[in-house]
Amino acid sequence: MLNFLRPFFARLFSPLIQALARTPVTPNMITVGGTLGVAAACLGMFPIGWLFPGAATATVFIFTDMLDGQLARIKGDSGPFGAFLDSTMDRLGDAAIFGGITIWFMRSDHLLAVVSLFCLACGMSVSYVKARAEGLGLNANVGLIERPERVLIGLTAIGLSGLGIPYVLPIGMWAVAAGSAITLGQRIRCVSQDAKAKRAAQPAENASSAAPSSAAPSPAAPFPAAQLPADDPAPAQSKDE
Protein backbone atom coordinates (compact mmCIF):
# COMPACT_ATOMS: atom_id res chain seq x y z
CA MET A 1 0.00 0.00 0.00
CA LEU A 2 2.90 2.34 0.74
CA ASN A 3 4.94 1.28 -2.28
CA PHE A 4 4.06 4.56 -4.02
CA LEU A 5 6.35 6.33 -1.51
CA ARG A 6 9.43 4.37 -2.55
CA PRO A 7 10.35 6.68 -5.49
CA PHE A 8 10.20 9.68 -3.14
CA PHE A 9 12.50 8.08 -0.57
CA ALA A 10 14.77 6.84 -3.34
CA ARG A 11 15.34 10.43 -4.48
CA LEU A 12 15.67 11.60 -0.86
CA PHE A 13 18.39 9.10 0.02
CA SER A 14 20.13 9.19 -3.36
CA PRO A 15 23.08 11.39 -2.20
CA LEU A 16 23.69 9.12 0.80
CA ILE A 17 23.56 6.02 -1.38
CA GLN A 18 25.98 7.52 -3.89
CA ALA A 19 28.38 8.29 -1.05
CA LEU A 20 28.09 4.76 0.36
CA ALA A 21 28.76 3.34 -3.09
CA ARG A 22 32.28 4.80 -2.92
CA THR A 23 33.05 3.04 0.38
CA PRO A 24 33.74 -0.63 1.21
CA VAL A 25 30.30 -0.85 2.86
CA THR A 26 28.25 -3.66 1.33
CA PRO A 27 24.44 -3.92 1.10
CA ASN A 28 24.49 -6.96 3.40
CA MET A 29 26.30 -4.93 6.05
CA ILE A 30 23.54 -2.32 5.94
CA THR A 31 20.86 -5.01 6.11
CA VAL A 32 22.32 -6.71 9.17
CA GLY A 33 23.31 -3.44 10.85
CA GLY A 34 19.82 -1.99 10.42
CA THR A 35 18.21 -5.06 11.95
CA LEU A 36 20.61 -5.01 14.90
CA GLY A 37 19.77 -1.34 15.47
CA VAL A 38 16.02 -2.01 15.42
CA ALA A 39 16.41 -4.96 17.78
CA ALA A 40 18.59 -3.01 20.21
CA ALA A 41 16.20 -0.05 20.28
CA CYS A 42 13.01 -2.06 20.71
CA LEU A 43 14.25 -4.75 23.08
CA GLY A 44 16.37 -2.31 25.08
CA MET A 45 13.93 0.61 25.44
CA PHE A 46 10.36 -0.68 25.11
CA PRO A 47 10.48 -3.03 28.13
CA ILE A 48 11.57 -0.20 30.46
CA GLY A 49 8.94 2.24 29.18
CA TRP A 50 11.11 4.40 26.91
CA LEU A 51 8.51 4.20 24.17
CA PHE A 52 9.20 7.39 22.23
CA PRO A 53 13.02 7.12 22.20
CA GLY A 54 12.75 3.46 21.25
CA ALA A 55 10.27 4.09 18.45
CA ALA A 56 12.26 7.04 17.09
CA THR A 57 15.54 5.10 17.11
CA ALA A 58 13.93 2.06 15.50
CA THR A 59 12.40 4.26 12.78
CA VAL A 60 15.83 5.61 11.86
CA PHE A 61 17.18 2.09 11.42
CA ILE A 62 14.02 0.98 9.56
CA PHE A 63 14.91 3.41 6.79
CA THR A 64 18.09 1.45 6.12
CA ASP A 65 15.80 -1.14 4.53
CA MET A 66 15.45 1.32 1.63
CA LEU A 67 19.21 1.79 1.30
CA ASP A 68 20.48 -1.76 0.88
CA GLY A 69 18.50 -2.54 -2.27
CA GLN A 70 19.52 0.64 -4.07
CA LEU A 71 23.13 0.25 -2.99
CA ALA A 72 23.11 -3.33 -4.28
CA ARG A 73 21.89 -2.15 -7.69
CA ILE A 74 24.59 0.53 -7.89
CA LYS A 75 27.39 -1.81 -6.83
CA GLY A 76 26.05 -4.74 -8.84
CA ASP A 77 25.82 -6.93 -5.75
CA SER A 78 22.15 -7.80 -6.04
CA GLY A 79 21.40 -11.51 -6.06
CA PRO A 80 19.33 -14.28 -4.48
CA PHE A 81 21.29 -14.33 -1.23
CA GLY A 82 20.82 -10.60 -0.71
CA ALA A 83 17.06 -10.95 -1.14
CA PHE A 84 17.02 -13.94 1.20
CA LEU A 85 19.03 -12.10 3.86
CA ASP A 86 16.84 -9.02 3.59
CA SER A 87 13.65 -11.04 4.10
CA THR A 88 15.17 -12.91 7.04
CA MET A 89 16.28 -9.69 8.74
CA ASP A 90 12.81 -8.18 8.20
CA ARG A 91 11.26 -11.04 10.18
CA LEU A 92 13.74 -10.52 13.03
CA GLY A 93 13.05 -6.79 13.05
CA ASP A 94 9.29 -7.36 13.26
CA ALA A 95 9.82 -9.80 16.12
CA ALA A 96 11.88 -7.21 18.00
CA ILE A 97 9.27 -4.47 17.58
CA PHE A 98 6.22 -6.43 18.70
CA GLY A 99 8.17 -8.60 21.13
CA GLY A 100 9.57 -5.56 22.92
CA ILE A 101 6.20 -3.87 23.28
CA THR A 102 4.68 -7.17 24.45
CA ILE A 103 7.13 -7.22 27.36
CA TRP A 104 6.00 -3.70 28.28
CA PHE A 105 2.31 -4.68 28.04
CA MET A 106 2.85 -7.65 30.33
CA ARG A 107 3.65 -5.17 33.10
CA SER A 108 0.70 -2.87 32.38
CA ASP A 109 -2.06 -4.43 30.23
CA HIS A 110 -2.31 -8.18 29.73
CA LEU A 111 -5.02 -7.88 27.05
CA LEU A 112 -2.82 -5.67 24.89
CA ALA A 113 0.03 -8.10 25.48
CA VAL A 114 -2.09 -10.80 23.86
CA VAL A 115 -3.03 -8.43 21.01
CA SER A 116 0.60 -7.54 20.32
CA LEU A 117 1.56 -11.21 20.33
CA PHE A 118 -1.23 -11.81 17.82
CA CYS A 119 0.18 -8.98 15.68
CA LEU A 120 3.57 -10.69 15.76
CA ALA A 121 2.26 -14.16 14.91
CA CYS A 122 -0.16 -12.96 12.25
CA GLY A 123 2.46 -10.71 10.65
CA MET A 124 4.87 -13.63 10.39
CA SER A 125 2.11 -15.78 8.88
CA VAL A 126 1.22 -13.11 6.31
CA SER A 127 4.82 -13.00 5.08
CA TYR A 128 5.19 -16.79 5.13
CA VAL A 129 1.99 -17.37 3.13
CA LYS A 130 3.24 -15.13 0.34
CA ALA A 131 6.73 -16.67 0.30
CA ARG A 132 5.35 -20.22 0.34
CA ALA A 133 2.81 -19.47 -2.38
CA GLU A 134 5.44 -17.95 -4.65
CA GLY A 135 7.62 -21.01 -4.07
CA LEU A 136 4.74 -23.16 -5.33
CA GLY A 137 4.15 -20.93 -8.34
CA LEU A 138 0.90 -19.47 -6.96
CA ASN A 139 -0.22 -15.88 -6.58
CA ALA A 140 -0.60 -14.23 -3.16
CA ASN A 141 0.12 -10.63 -4.10
CA VAL A 142 -2.92 -9.17 -2.32
CA GLY A 143 -3.66 -7.79 1.13
CA LEU A 144 -4.99 -4.83 3.05
CA ILE A 145 -1.74 -4.08 4.94
CA GLU A 146 1.75 -5.40 4.32
CA ARG A 147 4.94 -5.11 6.37
CA PRO A 148 5.53 -1.35 5.78
CA GLU A 149 2.02 -0.55 7.00
CA ARG A 150 2.31 -2.83 10.03
CA VAL A 151 5.61 -1.29 11.07
CA LEU A 152 4.43 2.26 10.38
CA ILE A 153 1.22 1.92 12.39
CA GLY A 154 2.94 0.06 15.22
CA LEU A 155 5.89 2.43 15.67
CA THR A 156 3.72 5.54 15.24
CA ALA A 157 1.29 4.35 17.92
CA ILE A 158 4.13 3.41 20.27
CA GLY A 159 5.94 6.71 19.76
CA LEU A 160 2.86 8.89 20.21
CA SER A 161 1.95 6.95 23.33
CA GLY A 162 5.40 7.68 24.67
CA LEU A 163 4.64 11.38 24.24
CA GLY A 164 1.62 11.01 26.49
CA ILE A 165 -1.16 10.91 23.88
CA PRO A 166 -3.93 8.70 25.33
CA TYR A 167 -5.67 5.79 23.61
CA VAL A 168 -3.40 5.88 20.56
CA LEU A 169 -1.46 2.75 21.55
CA PRO A 170 -4.44 0.39 21.98
CA ILE A 171 -6.03 1.78 18.81
CA GLY A 172 -2.81 1.17 16.88
CA MET A 173 -2.35 -2.37 18.19
CA TRP A 174 -5.93 -3.34 17.47
CA ALA A 175 -5.67 -1.80 13.98
CA VAL A 176 -2.53 -3.81 13.20
CA ALA A 177 -4.14 -7.00 14.56
CA ALA A 178 -7.33 -6.54 12.52
CA GLY A 179 -5.48 -5.54 9.35
CA SER A 180 -3.05 -8.46 9.63
CA ALA A 181 -5.89 -10.94 10.15
CA ILE A 182 -7.78 -9.58 7.13
CA THR A 183 -4.63 -9.68 5.00
CA LEU A 184 -3.92 -13.27 6.03
CA GLY A 185 -7.44 -14.32 5.05
CA GLN A 186 -7.18 -12.46 1.73
CA ARG A 187 -3.92 -14.18 0.83
CA ILE A 188 -5.12 -17.65 1.79
CA ARG A 189 -8.26 -17.13 -0.30
CA CYS A 190 -6.21 -15.82 -3.25
CA VAL A 191 -3.86 -18.82 -3.13
CA SER A 192 -6.83 -21.20 -2.93
CA GLN A 193 -8.49 -19.64 -5.96
CA ASP A 194 -5.26 -19.63 -7.98
CA ALA A 195 -4.59 -23.28 -7.10
CA LYS A 196 -8.12 -24.30 -8.15
CA ALA A 197 -7.81 -22.39 -11.42
CA LYS A 198 -4.50 -24.04 -12.29
CA ARG A 199 -5.83 -27.47 -11.31
CA ALA A 200 -8.84 -26.99 -13.58
CA ALA A 201 -6.65 -25.90 -16.49
CA GLN A 202 -4.20 -28.79 -16.12
CA PRO A 203 -6.41 -31.65 -17.50
CA ALA A 204 -7.12 -29.68 -20.68
CA GLU A 205 -3.41 -29.07 -21.21
CA ASN A 206 -2.59 -32.73 -20.59
CA ALA A 207 -5.30 -33.86 -23.02
CA SER A 208 -4.10 -31.57 -25.78
CA SER A 209 -0.48 -32.66 -25.36
CA ALA A 210 -1.34 -36.38 -25.23
CA ALA A 211 -3.60 -36.41 -28.32
CA PRO A 212 -1.85 -38.15 -31.30
CA SER A 213 -1.30 -36.11 -34.39
CA SER A 214 -3.81 -37.06 -37.10
CA ALA A 215 -1.41 -35.95 -39.82
CA ALA A 216 1.20 -38.59 -38.98
CA PRO A 217 1.41 -41.17 -41.83
CA SER A 218 0.75 -44.79 -40.91
CA PRO A 219 3.53 -47.26 -41.78
CA ALA A 220 2.94 -49.25 -44.95
CA ALA A 221 2.12 -52.90 -44.39
CA PRO A 222 4.67 -55.29 -45.92
CA PHE A 223 3.57 -57.50 -48.79
CA PRO A 224 2.59 -60.81 -47.13
CA ALA A 225 4.69 -63.77 -48.16
CA ALA A 226 1.61 -65.94 -48.50
CA GLN A 227 0.42 -63.85 -51.48
CA LEU A 228 3.61 -64.42 -53.49
CA PRO A 229 3.22 -66.57 -56.56
CA ALA A 230 3.79 -70.25 -55.87
CA ASP A 231 6.65 -70.52 -58.31
CA ASP A 232 8.43 -67.40 -56.88
CA PRO A 233 10.67 -68.09 -53.90
CA ALA A 234 10.33 -65.87 -50.83
CA PRO A 235 12.88 -63.01 -50.82
CA ALA A 236 15.94 -63.74 -48.69
CA GLN A 237 16.64 -61.48 -45.68
CA SER A 238 19.76 -59.38 -45.98
CA LYS A 239 22.50 -60.10 -43.43
CA ASP A 240 23.17 -56.42 -43.02
CA GLU A 241 19.61 -55.70 -41.84
Foldseek 3Di string as FASTA:
>chain_A
DCPVCLVVVCVVCVVVLVVVLVDPDALLNLLVVLLVQLLCLLQVQLLVLQQQSSLVSNVVSVCSLSRSVVSCVVNVNDDDVSVVSNVVSLLSSLCSNLVSNLNNCVVPPPVLNVLSVLLSVLLVLLVVLQVVLVVVVFDQPDFDDHSVVLSVLQSVLRNVVSVVDPPSNVVSSVVSNVRSVRSSVSRVVRRVVRVVVVVVVVVVVVVVVPDDDPPDDDDDDDDDPVPDDPVDDDDDDDPVD
